[in-house]
């Protein structure tokens, strides 16, 4: 019999989670839900800005409306707004060289 045929399982690699780790894992969904709710309230406050202020941050009124309509209650609409602003910035930076050539 070879040495590799006789092994002992010691379970040394498996650690039991500590109380604080279990508590953090249990509270993570609650913290996530709180973050989504807070972001929804902040995005709702963006409706108070005028169109020029929204344009300054790369958004439009249609982006705000579509962010709320595209996300369910438990999803974070801020991801949709960030994607919209990023896409608008990329499109404007892509079209800017062509507009300068036409002048």
C-alpha atoms as a PDB file:
ATOM      1  CA  UNK A   1       0.000   0.000   0.000  1.00  0.00           C
ATOM      2  CA  UNK A   2       1.257   3.435  -0.897  1.00  0.00           C
ATOM      3  CA  UNK A   3       1.408   6.437   1.360  1.00  0.00           C
ATOM      4  CA  UNK A   4      -1.008   8.431  -0.799  1.00  0.00           C
ATOM      5  CA  UNK A   5      -3.667   5.765  -0.416  1.00  0.00           C
ATOM      6  CA  UNK A   6      -3.883   6.388   3.309  1.00  0.00           C
ATOM      7  CA  UNK A   7      -5.000   9.933   4.074  1.00  0.00           C
ATOM      8  CA  UNK A   8      -6.816  11.378   7.025  1.00  0.00           C
ATOM      9  CA  UNK A   9      -9.431  14.083   6.678  1.00  0.00           C
ATOM     10  CA  UNK A  10      -8.700  16.652   9.373  1.00  0.00           C
ATOM     11  CA  UNK A  11     -11.105  19.454   8.339  1.00  0.00           C
ATOM     12  CA  UNK A  12      -8.480  22.009   9.264  1.00  0.00           C
ATOM     13  CA  UNK A  13      -9.335  24.162   6.258  1.00  0.00           C
ATOM     14  CA  UNK A  14     -12.945  24.735   7.298  1.00  0.00           C
ATOM     15  CA  UNK A  15     -13.427  27.514   9.805  1.00  0.00           C
ATOM     16  CA  UNK A  16     -16.607  28.177  11.632  1.00  0.00           C
ATOM     17  CA  UNK A  17     -17.823  31.735  11.065  1.00  0.00           C
ATOM     18  CA  UNK A  18     -17.586  33.979  14.088  1.00  0.00           C
ATOM     19  CA  UNK A  19     -20.588  35.667  15.612  1.00  0.00           C
ATOM     20  CA  UNK A  20     -19.740  39.003  14.005  1.00  0.00           C
ATOM     21  CA  UNK A  21     -19.359  37.357  10.582  1.00  0.00           C
ATOM     22  CA  UNK A  22     -22.737  35.638  10.943  1.00  0.00           C
ATOM     23  CA  UNK A  23     -24.302  38.884  12.122  1.00  0.00           C
ATOM     24  CA  UNK A  24     -22.858  40.807   9.165  1.00  0.00           C
ATOM     25  CA  UNK A  25     -24.071  38.138   6.741  1.00  0.00           C
ATOM     26  CA  UNK A  26     -27.538  38.251   8.298  1.00  0.00           C
ATOM     27  CA  UNK A  27     -27.748  42.045   8.156  1.00  0.00           C
ATOM     28  CA  UNK A  28     -26.376  42.385   4.610  1.00  0.00           C
ATOM     29  CA  UNK A  29     -29.790  42.002   2.896  1.00  0.00           C
ATOM     30  CA  UNK A  30     -31.294  44.551   5.257  1.00  0.00           C
ATOM     31  CA  UNK A  31     -28.465  46.990   4.563  1.00  0.00           C
ATOM     32  CA  UNK A  32     -28.938  46.442   0.830  1.00  0.00           C
ATOM     33  CA  UNK A  33     -32.659  47.139   1.099  1.00  0.00           C
ATOM     34  CA  UNK A  34     -31.928  50.324   3.080  1.00  0.00           C
ATOM     35  CA  UNK A  35     -29.414  51.436   0.399  1.00  0.00           C
ATOM     36  CA  UNK A  36     -31.977  50.889  -2.379  1.00  0.00           C
ATOM     37  CA  UNK A  37     -34.600  52.856  -0.462  1.00  0.00           C
ATOM     38  CA  UNK A  38     -32.145  55.710   0.237  1.00  0.00           C
ATOM     39  CA  UNK A  39     -31.103  55.849  -3.447  1.00  0.00           C
ATOM     40  CA  UNK A  40     -34.757  55.943  -4.507  1.00  0.00           C
ATOM     41  CA  UNK A  41     -35.364  58.909  -2.200  1.00  0.00           C
ATOM     42  CA  UNK A  42     -32.301  60.728  -3.592  1.00  0.00           C
ATOM     43  CA  UNK A  43     -33.375  60.095  -7.181  1.00  0.00           C
ATOM     44  CA  UNK A  44     -36.842  61.305  -6.313  1.00  0.00           C
ATOM     45  CA  UNK A  45     -35.230  64.527  -5.068  1.00  0.00           C
ATOM     46  CA  UNK A  46     -33.643  64.957  -8.515  1.00  0.00           C
ATOM     47  CA  UNK A  47     -37.123  65.827  -9.819  1.00  0.00           C
ATOM     48  CA  UNK A  48     -36.735  69.168  -8.009  1.00  0.00           C
ATOM     49  CA  UNK A  49     -33.828  70.165 -10.266  1.00  0.00           C
ATOM     50  CA  UNK A  50     -34.482  72.117 -13.448  1.00  0.00           C
ATOM     51  CA  UNK A  51     -33.508  70.821 -16.896  1.00  0.00           C
ATOM     52  CA  UNK A  52     -30.240  72.776 -17.046  1.00  0.00           C
ATOM     53  CA  UNK A  53     -29.085  71.344 -13.729  1.00  0.00           C
ATOM     54  CA  UNK A  54     -29.989  67.831 -14.851  1.00  0.00           C
ATOM     55  CA  UNK A  55     -28.080  68.393 -18.095  1.00  0.00           C
ATOM     56  CA  UNK A  56     -25.026  69.430 -16.046  1.00  0.00           C
ATOM     57  CA  UNK A  57     -24.938  66.016 -14.398  1.00  0.00           C
ATOM     58  CA  UNK A  58     -25.644  64.240 -17.684  1.00  0.00           C
ATOM     59  CA  UNK A  59     -29.300  63.348 -17.156  1.00  0.00           C
ATOM     60  CA  UNK A  60     -32.691  64.290 -18.496  1.00  0.00           C
ATOM     61  CA  UNK A  61     -36.228  64.111 -17.140  1.00  0.00           C
ATOM     62  CA  UNK A  62     -36.842  61.074 -19.334  1.00  0.00           C
ATOM     63  CA  UNK A  63     -33.911  59.308 -17.640  1.00  0.00           C
ATOM     64  CA  UNK A  64     -35.473  59.859 -14.223  1.00  0.00           C
ATOM     65  CA  UNK A  65     -38.818  58.502 -15.343  1.00  0.00           C
ATOM     66  CA  UNK A  66     -37.344  55.509 -17.131  1.00  0.00           C
ATOM     67  CA  UNK A  67     -35.158  54.668 -14.118  1.00  0.00           C
ATOM     68  CA  UNK A  68     -38.238  54.316 -11.948  1.00  0.00           C
ATOM     69  CA  UNK A  69     -40.199  52.425 -14.580  1.00  0.00           C
ATOM     70  CA  UNK A  70     -37.349  50.048 -15.475  1.00  0.00           C
ATOM     71  CA  UNK A  71     -36.634  48.989 -11.898  1.00  0.00           C
ATOM     72  CA  UNK A  72     -38.839  47.101  -9.496  1.00  0.00           C
ATOM     73  CA  UNK A  73     -39.297  48.281  -5.922  1.00  0.00           C
ATOM     74  CA  UNK A  74     -36.378  46.201  -4.647  1.00  0.00           C
ATOM     75  CA  UNK A  75     -33.967  47.145  -7.458  1.00  0.00           C
ATOM     76  CA  UNK A  76     -31.692  50.142  -7.342  1.00  0.00           C
ATOM     77  CA  UNK A  77     -32.659  52.742  -9.996  1.00  0.00           C
ATOM     78  CA  UNK A  78     -29.367  54.597  -9.534  1.00  0.00           C
ATOM     79  CA  UNK A  79     -27.615  51.948 -11.656  1.00  0.00           C
ATOM     80  CA  UNK A  80     -29.943  52.800 -14.528  1.00  0.00           C
ATOM     81  CA  UNK A  81     -29.258  56.531 -14.134  1.00  0.00           C
ATOM     82  CA  UNK A  82     -25.502  56.005 -14.021  1.00  0.00           C
ATOM     83  CA  UNK A  83     -25.689  53.908 -17.190  1.00  0.00           C
ATOM     84  CA  UNK A  84     -27.803  56.570 -18.937  1.00  0.00           C
ATOM     85  CA  UNK A  85     -25.405  59.381 -18.009  1.00  0.00           C
ATOM     86  CA  UNK A  86     -22.388  57.304 -19.056  1.00  0.00           C
ATOM     87  CA  UNK A  87     -23.956  56.425 -22.421  1.00  0.00           C
ATOM     88  CA  UNK A  88     -24.884  60.065 -23.068  1.00  0.00           C
ATOM     89  CA  UNK A  89     -21.314  61.161 -22.247  1.00  0.00           C
ATOM     90  CA  UNK A  90     -19.829  58.506 -24.549  1.00  0.00           C
ATOM     91  CA  UNK A  91     -22.149  59.509 -27.361  1.00  0.00           C
ATOM     92  CA  UNK A  92     -21.308  63.194 -26.975  1.00  0.00           C
ATOM     93  CA  UNK A  93     -17.573  62.509 -26.848  1.00  0.00           C
ATOM     94  CA  UNK A  94     -17.922  60.335 -29.946  1.00  0.00           C
ATOM     95  CA  UNK A  95     -19.862  62.974 -31.901  1.00  0.00           C
ATOM     96  CA  UNK A  96     -17.792  65.972 -30.775  1.00  0.00           C
ATOM     97  CA  UNK A  97     -14.871  65.458 -33.244  1.00  0.00           C
ATOM     98  CA  UNK A  98     -17.323  65.222 -36.159  1.00  0.00           C
ATOM     99  CA  UNK A  99     -19.117  68.426 -35.135  1.00  0.00           C
ATOM    100  CA  UNK A 100     -15.776  70.278 -34.963  1.00  0.00           C
ATOM    101  CA  UNK A 101     -14.832  69.081 -38.494  1.00  0.00           C
ATOM    102  CA  UNK A 102     -18.065  70.466 -39.926  1.00  0.00           C
ATOM    103  CA  UNK A 103     -17.308  74.005 -38.670  1.00  0.00           C
END
